[in-house]
Amino acid sequence: MDNVKLLLKLREQQITQLKLANLTGIANSTISEIIRGRRKPTEEQKNLIADYLKVSVKSIFPDN
C-alpha cells in the first residue's frame, strides 16, 4: 500500500523527495520505497521524517 499521507504532506509543503532525503540523511531510493509502500520505515526514519515535516509520526505513519 502506498504511503499517501506522506506523499500528500510532501506536496502540501512543496518538498521534493530528494530534498527530504538530503535533509534527513535517508537515501532518496529509501524515501521512494517508503512512499510506494515497498519498504517499511524504521522508527528512526519515521522520527526523522516527522521532525523535518513538523508533524506527528502518527499523522503520516498511522500504523505506528
Protein backbone atom coordinates (compact mmCIF):
# COMPACT_ATOMS: atom_id res chain seq x y z
CA MET A 1 0.00 0.00 0.00
CA ASP A 2 1.27 3.46 -0.86
CA ASN A 3 2.01 5.93 1.91
CA VAL A 4 -0.41 8.54 0.62
CA LYS A 5 -0.27 10.64 3.78
CA LEU A 6 3.46 11.14 3.46
CA LEU A 7 3.19 11.93 -0.24
CA LEU A 8 0.40 14.45 0.36
CA LYS A 9 2.35 16.13 3.16
CA LEU A 10 5.38 16.49 0.89
CA ARG A 11 3.24 18.04 -1.84
CA GLU A 12 1.47 20.29 0.65
CA GLN A 13 4.79 21.62 1.93
CA GLN A 14 6.27 21.70 -1.58
CA ILE A 15 9.16 19.46 -0.60
CA THR A 16 10.68 17.05 -3.08
CA GLN A 17 11.68 13.53 -2.16
CA LEU A 18 15.27 14.45 -2.95
CA LYS A 19 15.20 17.44 -0.59
CA LEU A 20 13.67 15.31 2.17
CA ALA A 21 16.36 12.70 1.58
CA ASN A 22 19.17 15.25 1.72
CA LEU A 23 17.89 16.93 4.86
CA THR A 24 17.13 13.74 6.80
CA GLY A 25 20.11 11.70 5.65
CA ILE A 26 17.80 8.97 4.37
CA ALA A 27 18.64 7.72 0.88
CA ASN A 28 16.37 9.05 -1.85
CA SER A 29 15.70 5.49 -3.01
CA THR A 30 14.59 4.59 0.52
CA ILE A 31 12.22 7.58 0.65
CA SER A 32 10.78 6.49 -2.68
CA GLU A 33 10.29 2.92 -1.50
CA ILE A 34 8.61 4.11 1.72
CA ILE A 35 6.20 6.29 -0.27
CA ARG A 36 5.40 3.43 -2.65
CA GLY A 37 4.85 1.04 0.23
CA ARG A 38 7.68 -1.24 -0.81
CA ARG A 39 9.62 -0.64 2.40
CA LYS A 40 8.56 -0.02 5.97
CA PRO A 41 10.45 2.83 7.59
CA THR A 42 12.40 2.22 10.77
CA GLU A 43 11.39 4.07 13.92
CA GLU A 44 14.39 6.34 13.43
CA GLN A 45 13.37 7.11 9.84
CA LYS A 46 9.79 7.82 10.93
CA ASN A 47 11.04 10.24 13.56
CA LEU A 48 13.47 11.98 11.20
CA ILE A 49 10.79 12.47 8.55
CA ALA A 50 8.13 13.63 11.01
CA ASP A 51 10.55 16.03 12.72
CA TYR A 52 11.58 17.57 9.43
CA LEU A 53 7.96 17.96 8.27
CA LYS A 54 6.99 19.28 11.72
CA VAL A 55 4.15 16.79 12.11
CA SER A 56 3.46 13.89 14.44
CA VAL A 57 4.66 10.45 13.42
CA LYS A 58 1.08 9.15 13.60
CA SER A 59 -0.17 11.78 11.15
CA ILE A 60 1.97 10.36 8.33
CA PHE A 61 2.55 6.82 9.59
CA PRO A 62 -0.83 5.88 11.11
CA ASP A 63 0.19 2.24 11.66
CA ASN A 64 2.66 3.38 14.27
